[in-house]
Amino acid sequence: MKISVIGTGYVGLVTGVCLAEIGHHVTCIDVDPDKVYRLRSGDPIIYEPGLGELIRKNLEEGRLTFTDNYSKGLLDVQVIYIAVGTPSNSDGTADLTAIEQAATMIADHLKNYTVIVTKSTVPIGTNHRIQEIIQNRIQNGVTFDIVSNPEFLREGTAVKDMFFGDRIIIGADNKKAADIVEDVIKPFNIPVFRTTIRSAEMIKYASNAFLATKISFINEIANLCEKLDADITEVAKGMGMDKRIGSQFLKAGIGYGGSCFPKDTNALVQIAGDIDHEFTLLKSVIEVNKKQQRLLIDKAVQRFGSLKELKVAVLGLSFKPNTDDIREAPSIPIISSLLSQGARVVAYDPVAQRHAKRILPSEVGYANTIHEAIQGANCAFILTEWSEIVEFNLSEYELYMKDPILFDGRNCYDLIKAAKYNLEYYSVGRTSVRNGQKLFLSTANGSMGKR
């Protein structure tokens, strides 16, 4: 089919490229001419494993084009995907400005029957609002249908998720439109679940809210484990063996971040509030996550007393590995807190530093390697479990750091291995280690002692 995708952000770009890969002729539209120029040259703009290769392949084979011209981009298309951003407003609600602008542009350029598919995460009722905007503006009597097709892509594995996802949700108010969308995605050979538009909108929010809840839950259990001398790694593994619970999203750490979970949990709380429903559980999930992002700071303050003039190496800036996205990353509030307490911060991330420099305070220094970051440091904060950090030889901390003290927010290292080195190692939900001896470090009562 001939398809257009409006928006070349994370979702739009991955969606358009993968639709081209399964044989469709896809035009991706973006209002930013600089982005369009870079994409036409095969530059994926974002860091996502495998995406650049697919862009260049489909450009060469003529199935993929990029434009900033709506007249060209929407000419004679059968399906239009809307994949523009819906960032959070200051009150937590979703900003639908870009969605409404896309709907207006579609109405102005629609020439024949088209199915308009919303990939953007939008509040319940937004697809019908899009339908209303187009219907009220369209001048030539052209008919169209709206379909909600929420995305479930994980940054770092988005291309893989497009081809090997768990399910594809098609929310439509009539069979014809649903059939067309199902025909588009049929080559993916992924199970399809058809539902109403409003249910599809809710499925997206409910899914992300549930996963965020699992993360906050396991982090609370981890905090209990530290005070009760249990090991969260063992606890999570034992829990995950229960098929009713499952092992995914039970990894304790310093909380969730990124472009989806923080935005979608806040938006769902606001959606509930708009209809006078107090979403107490989700509010607690959000609060636990905020508190968890302070965990390593509290441990460090308890260990040192004061962080003033300490050199702190921060390893990992992106909210998760295999992405350069630092939106809502725990590194942002953690680094801000370190600086406010007088620490000197030197940060390292294999791909996210370019974005970080635009957001983090100017006082932050940057290193080109882990070794450079930890050289002469009083302690190191591990904030992202990049493979090169997980595989880093623990003896190197001993060799390069002034004080080999690690605060690991992602539980990268095995405790038994850490105990073999001249390190102090503090992680999440596990016993701490100093020079081979187990320590008890309680952020609750300020006590520390050997076991």
Protein backbone atom coordinates (compact mmCIF):
# COMPACT_ATOMS: atom_id res chain seq x y z
CA MET A 1 0.00 0.00 0.00
CA LYS A 2 0.92 3.65 -0.26
CA ILE A 3 1.29 4.97 3.28
CA SER A 4 2.25 8.25 4.92
CA VAL A 5 3.57 8.66 8.45
CA ILE A 6 3.30 12.10 10.04
CA GLY A 7 6.14 12.65 12.50
CA THR A 8 9.68 11.26 12.46
CA GLY A 9 10.23 11.02 16.17
CA TYR A 10 10.95 7.72 17.83
CA VAL A 11 7.62 6.06 17.07
CA GLY A 12 7.01 7.57 13.65
CA LEU A 13 10.45 6.83 12.27
CA VAL A 14 10.58 3.23 13.47
CA THR A 15 7.01 2.61 12.30
CA GLY A 16 7.58 4.10 8.84
CA VAL A 17 10.86 2.31 8.24
CA CYS A 18 9.52 -1.08 9.33
CA LEU A 19 6.37 -0.68 7.21
CA ALA A 20 8.65 -0.04 4.23
CA GLU A 21 10.69 -3.10 5.13
CA ILE A 22 7.60 -5.35 4.83
CA GLY A 23 6.88 -4.02 1.34
CA HIS A 24 4.79 -0.84 1.61
CA HIS A 25 5.68 2.45 -0.08
CA VAL A 26 6.08 4.86 2.81
CA THR A 27 6.53 8.62 2.95
CA CYS A 28 7.52 10.06 6.32
CA ILE A 29 6.53 13.69 6.83
CA ASP A 30 8.20 16.10 9.26
CA VAL A 31 7.98 19.86 9.48
CA ASP A 32 11.70 20.15 10.31
CA PRO A 33 13.61 20.44 7.00
CA ASP A 34 16.95 19.72 8.69
CA LYS A 35 15.68 16.38 10.00
CA VAL A 36 14.27 15.54 6.58
CA TYR A 37 17.62 16.33 4.94
CA ARG A 38 19.51 14.09 7.37
CA LEU A 39 17.01 11.25 7.00
CA ARG A 40 17.19 11.43 3.21
CA SER A 41 20.94 10.91 3.52
CA GLY A 42 20.41 7.79 5.63
CA ASP A 43 21.13 9.36 9.04
CA PRO A 44 18.70 7.77 11.55
CA ILE A 45 18.95 10.82 13.87
CA ILE A 46 18.18 8.69 16.95
CA TYR A 47 20.25 5.86 18.36
CA GLU A 48 18.34 2.63 17.88
CA PRO A 49 20.08 -0.66 17.02
CA GLY A 50 19.38 -1.75 13.44
CA LEU A 51 17.41 1.34 12.43
CA GLY A 52 20.09 3.04 10.34
CA GLU A 53 20.66 -0.05 8.22
CA LEU A 54 16.94 -0.40 7.49
CA ILE A 55 16.61 3.28 6.55
CA ARG A 56 19.47 3.09 4.07
CA LYS A 57 18.26 -0.21 2.61
CA ASN A 58 14.72 1.00 1.99
CA LEU A 59 15.87 4.36 0.63
CA GLU A 60 18.02 2.52 -1.90
CA GLU A 61 15.19 0.15 -2.83
CA GLY A 62 12.76 3.04 -3.35
CA ARG A 63 10.14 2.13 -0.76
CA LEU A 64 10.97 4.92 1.70
CA THR A 65 11.00 8.69 1.23
CA PHE A 66 11.08 11.73 3.51
CA THR A 67 9.53 15.14 2.98
CA ASP A 68 8.48 18.33 4.77
CA ASN A 69 5.79 18.99 2.15
CA TYR A 70 2.30 17.79 3.10
CA SER A 71 0.96 18.12 -0.44
CA LYS A 72 3.56 15.67 -1.70
CA GLY A 73 3.55 13.50 1.38
CA LEU A 74 -0.21 12.89 1.44
CA LEU A 75 -0.75 12.55 -2.30
CA ASP A 76 -2.87 9.49 -3.21
CA VAL A 77 -2.14 7.66 0.04
CA GLN A 78 -4.41 4.89 1.32
CA VAL A 79 -3.38 5.02 4.98
CA ILE A 80 -2.02 7.86 7.10
CA TYR A 81 -0.30 7.21 10.42
CA ILE A 82 -0.19 10.02 12.97
CA ALA A 83 2.90 9.60 15.15
CA VAL A 84 3.59 13.07 16.52
CA GLY A 85 4.63 13.83 20.08
CA THR A 86 2.20 14.30 22.97
CA PRO A 87 4.46 15.73 25.68
CA SER A 88 3.26 16.49 29.18
CA ASN A 89 1.90 19.88 30.13
CA SER A 90 2.90 21.32 33.49
CA ASP A 91 -0.21 19.79 35.11
CA GLY A 92 0.55 16.30 33.77
CA THR A 93 -2.03 16.36 30.98
CA ALA A 94 -1.02 15.45 27.43
CA ASP A 95 -0.26 18.34 25.09
CA LEU A 96 -2.30 17.61 21.96
CA THR A 97 -1.15 20.61 19.94
CA ALA A 98 0.79 18.54 17.41
CA ILE A 99 -2.05 16.02 17.11
CA GLU A 100 -4.53 18.76 16.29
CA GLN A 101 -2.14 20.36 13.80
CA ALA A 102 -1.71 17.01 12.07
CA ALA A 103 -5.49 16.55 11.87
CA THR A 104 -5.83 20.01 10.32
CA MET A 105 -3.18 19.30 7.69
CA ILE A 106 -4.80 15.99 6.83
CA ALA A 107 -8.17 17.67 6.35
CA ASP A 108 -6.63 20.27 4.04
CA HIS A 109 -4.95 17.68 1.81
CA LEU A 110 -7.28 14.67 1.79
CA LYS A 111 -8.40 13.83 -1.78
CA ASN A 112 -9.72 10.27 -1.52
CA TYR A 113 -10.99 7.76 1.05
CA THR A 114 -8.24 7.21 3.60
CA VAL A 115 -7.82 5.37 6.88
CA ILE A 116 -6.18 7.60 9.48
CA VAL A 117 -4.33 5.62 12.11
CA THR A 118 -3.23 7.14 15.41
CA LYS A 119 0.04 5.74 16.80
CA SER A 120 0.60 8.61 19.25
CA THR A 121 -0.34 7.96 22.87
CA VAL A 122 -3.43 10.09 23.43
CA PRO A 123 -6.07 10.50 26.16
CA ILE A 124 -9.27 8.52 25.82
CA GLY A 125 -11.57 10.28 23.37
CA THR A 126 -8.79 11.94 21.35
CA ASN A 127 -9.32 9.82 18.22
CA HIS A 128 -12.92 10.96 18.09
CA ARG A 129 -11.68 14.53 18.55
CA ILE A 130 -9.37 14.01 15.53
CA GLN A 131 -12.34 12.72 13.58
CA GLU A 132 -14.35 15.81 14.52
CA ILE A 133 -11.55 18.22 13.52
CA ILE A 134 -11.16 16.62 10.11
CA GLN A 135 -14.89 16.29 9.51
CA ASN A 136 -15.55 19.93 10.34
CA ARG A 137 -12.72 21.20 8.14
CA ILE A 138 -12.82 18.97 5.08
CA GLN A 139 -14.33 20.70 2.05
CA ASN A 140 -14.63 18.17 -0.76
CA GLY A 141 -16.86 15.50 0.78
CA VAL A 142 -14.08 12.92 0.94
CA THR A 143 -14.76 10.13 3.42
CA PHE A 144 -12.30 8.70 5.92
CA ASP A 145 -12.12 6.45 8.96
CA ILE A 146 -10.17 6.72 12.19
CA VAL A 147 -8.32 3.80 13.79
CA SER A 148 -6.44 3.69 17.08
CA ASN A 149 -3.32 1.54 16.80
CA PRO A 150 -1.21 2.22 19.91
CA GLU A 151 2.49 1.40 19.87
CA PHE A 152 4.27 -0.81 22.39
CA LEU A 153 7.86 -0.22 21.32
CA ARG A 154 10.69 -0.37 23.83
CA GLU A 155 13.56 2.00 23.18
CA GLY A 156 16.68 -0.01 22.47
CA THR A 157 14.68 -2.91 21.00
CA ALA A 158 12.09 -0.98 18.94
CA VAL A 159 12.95 -2.53 15.57
CA LYS A 160 12.83 -6.00 17.07
CA ASP A 161 9.50 -5.18 18.74
CA MET A 162 7.99 -4.13 15.42
CA PHE A 163 8.72 -7.56 13.95
CA PHE A 164 8.29 -9.73 17.04
CA GLY A 165 5.74 -7.94 19.23
CA ASP A 166 3.32 -9.68 21.59
CA ARG A 167 0.21 -8.23 19.97
CA ILE A 168 -1.12 -5.49 17.72
CA ILE A 169 -4.16 -3.56 18.95
CA ILE A 170 -6.59 -2.28 16.33
CA GLY A 171 -9.30 -0.02 17.70
CA ALA A 172 -11.94 0.83 15.12
CA ASP A 173 -15.61 1.69 14.93
CA ASN A 174 -16.20 -0.21 11.71
CA LYS A 175 -14.97 -3.44 10.16
CA LYS A 176 -13.82 -1.89 6.89
CA ALA A 177 -11.22 0.33 8.53
CA ALA A 178 -10.02 -2.45 10.83
CA ASP A 179 -9.66 -4.81 7.87
CA ILE A 180 -7.49 -2.31 5.99
CA VAL A 181 -5.14 -1.78 8.93
CA GLU A 182 -4.92 -5.50 9.57
CA ASP A 183 -4.01 -5.99 5.92
CA VAL A 184 -1.23 -3.39 6.31
CA ILE A 185 0.37 -5.16 9.27
CA LYS A 186 -0.34 -8.74 8.17
CA PRO A 187 3.28 -9.42 7.05
CA PHE A 188 4.46 -8.90 10.64
CA ASN A 189 2.56 -12.09 11.53
CA ILE A 190 1.82 -10.84 15.05
CA PRO A 191 -1.45 -11.67 16.91
CA VAL A 192 -4.09 -8.99 16.39
CA PHE A 193 -6.70 -7.93 18.92
CA ARG A 194 -9.58 -5.83 17.62
CA THR A 195 -11.50 -3.56 19.94
CA THR A 196 -13.26 -0.21 20.06
CA ILE A 197 -11.32 3.01 19.64
CA ARG A 198 -11.74 4.05 23.26
CA SER A 199 -10.69 0.65 24.57
CA ALA A 200 -7.57 0.76 22.39
CA GLU A 201 -6.69 4.18 23.80
CA MET A 202 -7.11 2.84 27.34
CA ILE A 203 -5.10 -0.34 26.65
CA LYS A 204 -2.02 1.77 25.95
CA TYR A 205 -2.27 3.78 29.16
CA ALA A 206 -3.25 0.78 31.27
CA SER A 207 -0.34 -1.29 29.96
CA ASN A 208 2.28 1.34 30.74
CA ALA A 209 0.73 2.11 34.12
CA PHE A 210 0.82 -1.57 35.07
CA LEU A 211 4.47 -1.96 34.07
CA ALA A 212 5.39 1.18 36.01
CA THR A 213 3.54 -0.27 38.98
CA LYS A 214 5.63 -3.46 38.83
CA ILE A 215 8.81 -1.36 38.84
CA SER A 216 7.76 0.75 41.82
CA PHE A 217 6.56 -2.36 43.66
CA ILE A 218 9.83 -4.25 43.29
CA ASN A 219 11.75 -1.12 44.32
CA GLU A 220 9.72 -0.90 47.52
CA ILE A 221 10.41 -4.58 48.17
CA ALA A 222 14.10 -3.88 47.53
CA ASN A 223 14.11 -1.13 50.14
CA LEU A 224 12.60 -3.58 52.61
CA CYS A 225 15.20 -6.19 51.68
CA GLU A 226 18.02 -3.84 52.63
CA LYS A 227 16.56 -3.34 56.10
CA LEU A 228 15.71 -7.01 56.63
CA ASP A 229 18.94 -8.55 55.26
CA ALA A 230 17.26 -10.21 52.27
CA ASP A 231 18.54 -10.12 48.68
CA ILE A 232 16.22 -8.52 46.14
CA THR A 233 17.85 -10.44 43.28
CA GLU A 234 16.82 -13.74 44.86
CA VAL A 235 13.42 -12.39 45.89
CA ALA A 236 12.63 -11.14 42.38
CA LYS A 237 13.74 -14.40 40.81
CA GLY A 238 11.57 -16.41 43.17
CA MET A 239 8.59 -14.15 42.49
CA GLY A 240 9.09 -14.24 38.72
CA MET A 241 8.95 -18.03 38.60
CA ASP A 242 5.24 -17.70 39.38
CA LYS A 243 3.56 -17.53 35.97
CA ARG A 244 0.88 -15.26 37.40
CA ILE A 245 3.56 -12.66 38.16
CA GLY A 246 6.25 -13.17 35.51
CA SER A 247 9.88 -12.11 35.67
CA GLN A 248 9.81 -9.00 33.49
CA PHE A 249 9.97 -5.54 35.07
CA LEU A 250 11.03 -6.99 38.43
CA LYS A 251 14.56 -5.61 38.36
CA ALA A 252 15.17 -3.29 41.30
CA GLY A 253 16.98 -0.04 40.71
CA ILE A 254 16.64 3.72 40.80
CA GLY A 255 13.27 3.91 39.08
CA TYR A 256 11.82 4.26 35.62
CA GLY A 257 12.34 7.10 33.17
CA GLY A 258 12.12 7.72 29.45
CA SER A 259 9.49 9.18 27.18
CA CYS A 260 6.58 6.89 28.11
CA PHE A 261 6.20 5.76 31.71
CA PRO A 262 6.53 9.15 33.45
CA LYS A 263 4.36 10.90 30.85
CA ASP A 264 1.69 8.21 30.63
CA THR A 265 1.33 7.60 34.37
CA ASN A 266 0.90 11.33 35.01
CA ALA A 267 -1.56 11.62 32.14
CA LEU A 268 -3.66 8.70 33.38
CA VAL A 269 -3.87 10.26 36.83
CA GLN A 270 -5.12 13.46 35.19
CA ILE A 271 -7.57 11.55 32.98
CA ALA A 272 -8.98 9.89 36.08
CA GLY A 273 -9.16 13.22 37.90
CA ASP A 274 -11.12 14.77 35.05
CA ILE A 275 -13.94 12.30 35.74
CA ASP A 276 -13.67 12.62 39.54
CA HIS A 277 -11.85 9.33 40.04
CA GLU A 278 -9.03 9.28 42.59
CA PHE A 279 -6.36 6.95 41.17
CA THR A 280 -4.66 6.40 44.52
CA LEU A 281 -2.57 3.42 43.44
CA LEU A 282 -1.02 5.17 40.45
CA LYS A 283 -0.29 8.29 42.46
CA SER A 284 1.67 6.10 44.87
CA VAL A 285 3.56 4.50 41.97
CA ILE A 286 4.66 7.95 40.82
CA GLU A 287 5.66 9.02 44.32
CA VAL A 288 7.68 5.83 44.92
CA ASN A 289 9.54 6.42 41.66
CA LYS A 290 10.44 9.98 42.62
CA LYS A 291 11.69 8.81 45.99
CA GLN A 292 13.70 5.97 44.44
CA GLN A 293 15.68 8.40 42.34
CA ARG A 294 17.11 9.86 45.57
CA LEU A 295 18.24 6.49 46.88
CA LEU A 296 21.89 6.68 45.80
CA ILE A 297 22.20 10.27 47.00
CA ASP A 298 20.98 9.22 50.45
CA LYS A 299 23.44 6.33 50.54
CA ALA A 300 26.32 8.58 49.53
CA VAL A 301 25.46 11.27 52.09
CA GLN A 302 25.27 8.63 54.78
CA ARG A 303 28.61 7.20 53.74
CA PHE A 304 30.52 10.50 53.42
CA GLY A 305 28.54 12.90 55.59
CA SER A 306 29.12 15.68 53.06
CA LEU A 307 29.59 15.47 49.31
CA LYS A 308 31.24 18.89 49.06
CA GLU A 309 34.36 18.90 46.86
CA LEU A 310 34.12 15.17 46.18
CA LYS A 311 34.81 14.06 42.62
CA VAL A 312 31.90 11.86 41.58
CA ALA A 313 32.04 9.79 38.41
CA VAL A 314 28.59 9.24 36.88
CA LEU A 315 28.48 6.20 34.60
CA GLY A 316 25.46 6.17 32.31
CA LEU A 317 23.14 9.06 31.46
CA SER A 318 20.39 7.56 29.28
CA PHE A 319 17.34 6.22 31.08
CA LYS A 320 18.15 2.71 29.86
CA PRO A 321 20.88 1.05 27.75
CA ASN A 322 20.88 0.95 23.94
CA THR A 323 19.28 4.37 23.56
CA ASP A 324 20.48 7.98 23.59
CA ASP A 325 17.23 9.15 25.18
CA ILE A 326 17.68 10.97 28.47
CA ARG A 327 14.09 12.17 28.81
CA GLU A 328 13.06 11.79 32.47
CA ALA A 329 16.25 9.81 33.09
CA PRO A 330 17.19 9.37 36.76
CA SER A 331 20.59 10.84 35.88
CA ILE A 332 19.06 14.31 35.61
CA PRO A 333 17.77 14.74 39.20
CA ILE A 334 20.69 12.74 40.63
CA ILE A 335 23.33 14.92 38.96
CA SER A 336 21.45 18.09 39.91
CA SER A 337 21.40 16.93 43.54
CA LEU A 338 25.12 16.06 43.48
CA LEU A 339 25.96 19.51 42.17
CA SER A 340 23.70 21.25 44.67
CA GLN A 341 25.60 19.51 47.46
CA GLY A 342 28.95 20.73 46.16
CA ALA A 343 30.19 17.62 44.36
CA ARG A 344 32.28 17.81 41.18
CA VAL A 345 30.65 15.58 38.54
CA VAL A 346 32.34 13.91 35.61
CA ALA A 347 29.91 11.90 33.46
CA TYR A 348 30.30 9.19 30.86
CA ASP A 349 27.79 7.60 28.51
CA PRO A 350 28.63 5.79 25.27
CA VAL A 351 25.95 7.52 23.17
CA ALA A 352 23.83 9.98 25.21
CA GLN A 353 26.36 12.71 26.02
CA ARG A 354 25.42 14.88 23.04
CA HIS A 355 21.82 15.15 24.29
CA ALA A 356 22.90 15.40 27.92
CA LYS A 357 25.03 18.47 27.27
CA ARG A 358 21.93 20.35 26.15
CA ILE A 359 20.01 19.51 29.34
CA LEU A 360 22.40 19.03 32.24
CA PRO A 361 23.99 21.99 34.07
CA SER A 362 27.12 23.47 32.53
CA GLU A 363 29.20 22.50 35.59
CA VAL A 364 29.09 18.83 34.55
CA GLY A 365 32.29 17.54 33.01
CA TYR A 366 32.35 14.75 30.44
CA ALA A 367 34.74 11.88 29.83
CA ASN A 368 35.37 9.84 26.70
CA THR A 369 35.85 6.55 28.53
CA ILE A 370 34.97 4.89 31.83
CA HIS A 371 38.64 5.03 32.81
CA GLU A 372 38.76 8.77 32.22
CA ALA A 373 35.59 9.33 34.24
CA ILE A 374 36.72 7.36 37.30
CA GLN A 375 40.33 8.62 37.31
CA GLY A 376 40.98 10.04 40.80
CA ALA A 377 37.28 9.90 41.75
CA ASN A 378 36.09 9.64 45.35
CA CYS A 379 33.13 7.54 44.29
CA ALA A 380 31.19 6.41 41.24
CA PHE A 381 27.44 6.39 40.60
CA ILE A 382 26.28 3.73 38.14
CA LEU A 383 23.01 4.92 36.60
CA THR A 384 22.65 2.94 33.34
CA GLU A 385 23.47 -0.72 32.80
CA TRP A 386 25.28 -0.35 29.48
CA SER A 387 27.04 -3.60 28.56
CA GLU A 388 30.47 -1.96 28.73
CA ILE A 389 29.71 -0.87 32.29
CA VAL A 390 28.35 -4.28 33.31
CA GLU A 391 31.41 -5.98 31.79
CA PHE A 392 33.90 -3.48 33.22
CA ASN A 393 36.64 -5.19 35.24
CA LEU A 394 36.14 -4.42 38.93
CA SER A 395 39.88 -4.32 39.48
CA GLU A 396 39.98 -1.17 37.30
CA TYR A 397 37.95 0.76 39.89
CA GLU A 398 40.57 -0.17 42.43
CA LEU A 399 43.36 0.92 40.13
CA TYR A 400 41.98 4.24 38.85
CA MET A 401 39.84 5.68 41.65
CA LYS A 402 41.17 7.64 44.60
CA ASP A 403 38.53 5.96 46.75
CA PRO A 404 37.04 2.84 45.08
CA ILE A 405 33.50 3.37 46.35
CA LEU A 406 30.61 2.39 44.05
CA PHE A 407 26.95 3.31 44.34
CA ASP A 408 25.27 1.04 41.83
CA GLY A 409 21.71 1.99 40.91
CA ARG A 410 21.30 -0.93 38.48
CA ASN A 411 22.81 -3.88 40.42
CA CYS A 412 25.35 -4.48 37.67
CA TYR A 413 27.82 -6.57 39.67
CA ASP A 414 27.68 -9.87 41.49
CA LEU A 415 28.19 -9.44 45.25
CA ILE A 416 30.54 -12.40 45.55
CA LYS A 417 32.77 -10.99 42.80
CA ALA A 418 32.65 -7.48 44.28
CA ALA A 419 33.76 -8.87 47.64
CA LYS A 420 37.02 -10.11 46.09
CA TYR A 421 38.26 -6.57 45.48
CA ASN A 422 39.30 -3.65 47.60
CA LEU A 423 35.97 -1.92 47.01
CA GLU A 424 33.05 -0.49 48.85
CA TYR A 425 30.02 -1.54 46.88
CA TYR A 426 26.49 -0.30 47.61
CA SER A 427 23.65 -1.49 45.38
CA VAL A 428 19.84 -1.65 45.58
CA GLY A 429 18.03 -4.15 47.79
CA ARG A 430 21.18 -6.13 48.53
CA THR A 431 23.79 -6.36 51.25
CA SER A 432 26.61 -3.87 50.81
CA VAL A 433 30.25 -4.96 50.64
CA ARG A 434 33.46 -3.42 51.93
CA ASN A 435 36.78 -5.14 51.32
CA GLY A 436 35.18 -8.57 51.31
CA GLN A 437 32.99 -7.95 54.35
CA LYS A 438 29.23 -7.50 54.25
CA LEU A 439 27.93 -4.21 55.57
CA PHE A 440 24.60 -3.04 56.82
CA LEU A 441 23.84 0.45 55.54
CA SER A 442 20.41 1.60 56.65
CA THR A 443 19.09 4.83 55.19
CA ALA A 444 16.31 4.62 57.76
CA ASN A 445 18.33 5.08 60.97
CA GLY A 446 21.72 6.20 59.71
CA SER A 447 23.56 3.20 61.09
CA MET A 448 26.30 1.20 59.40
CA GLY A 449 28.08 -1.87 60.61
CA LYS A 450 29.69 -5.15 59.64
CA ARG A 451 28.01 -8.52 59.45
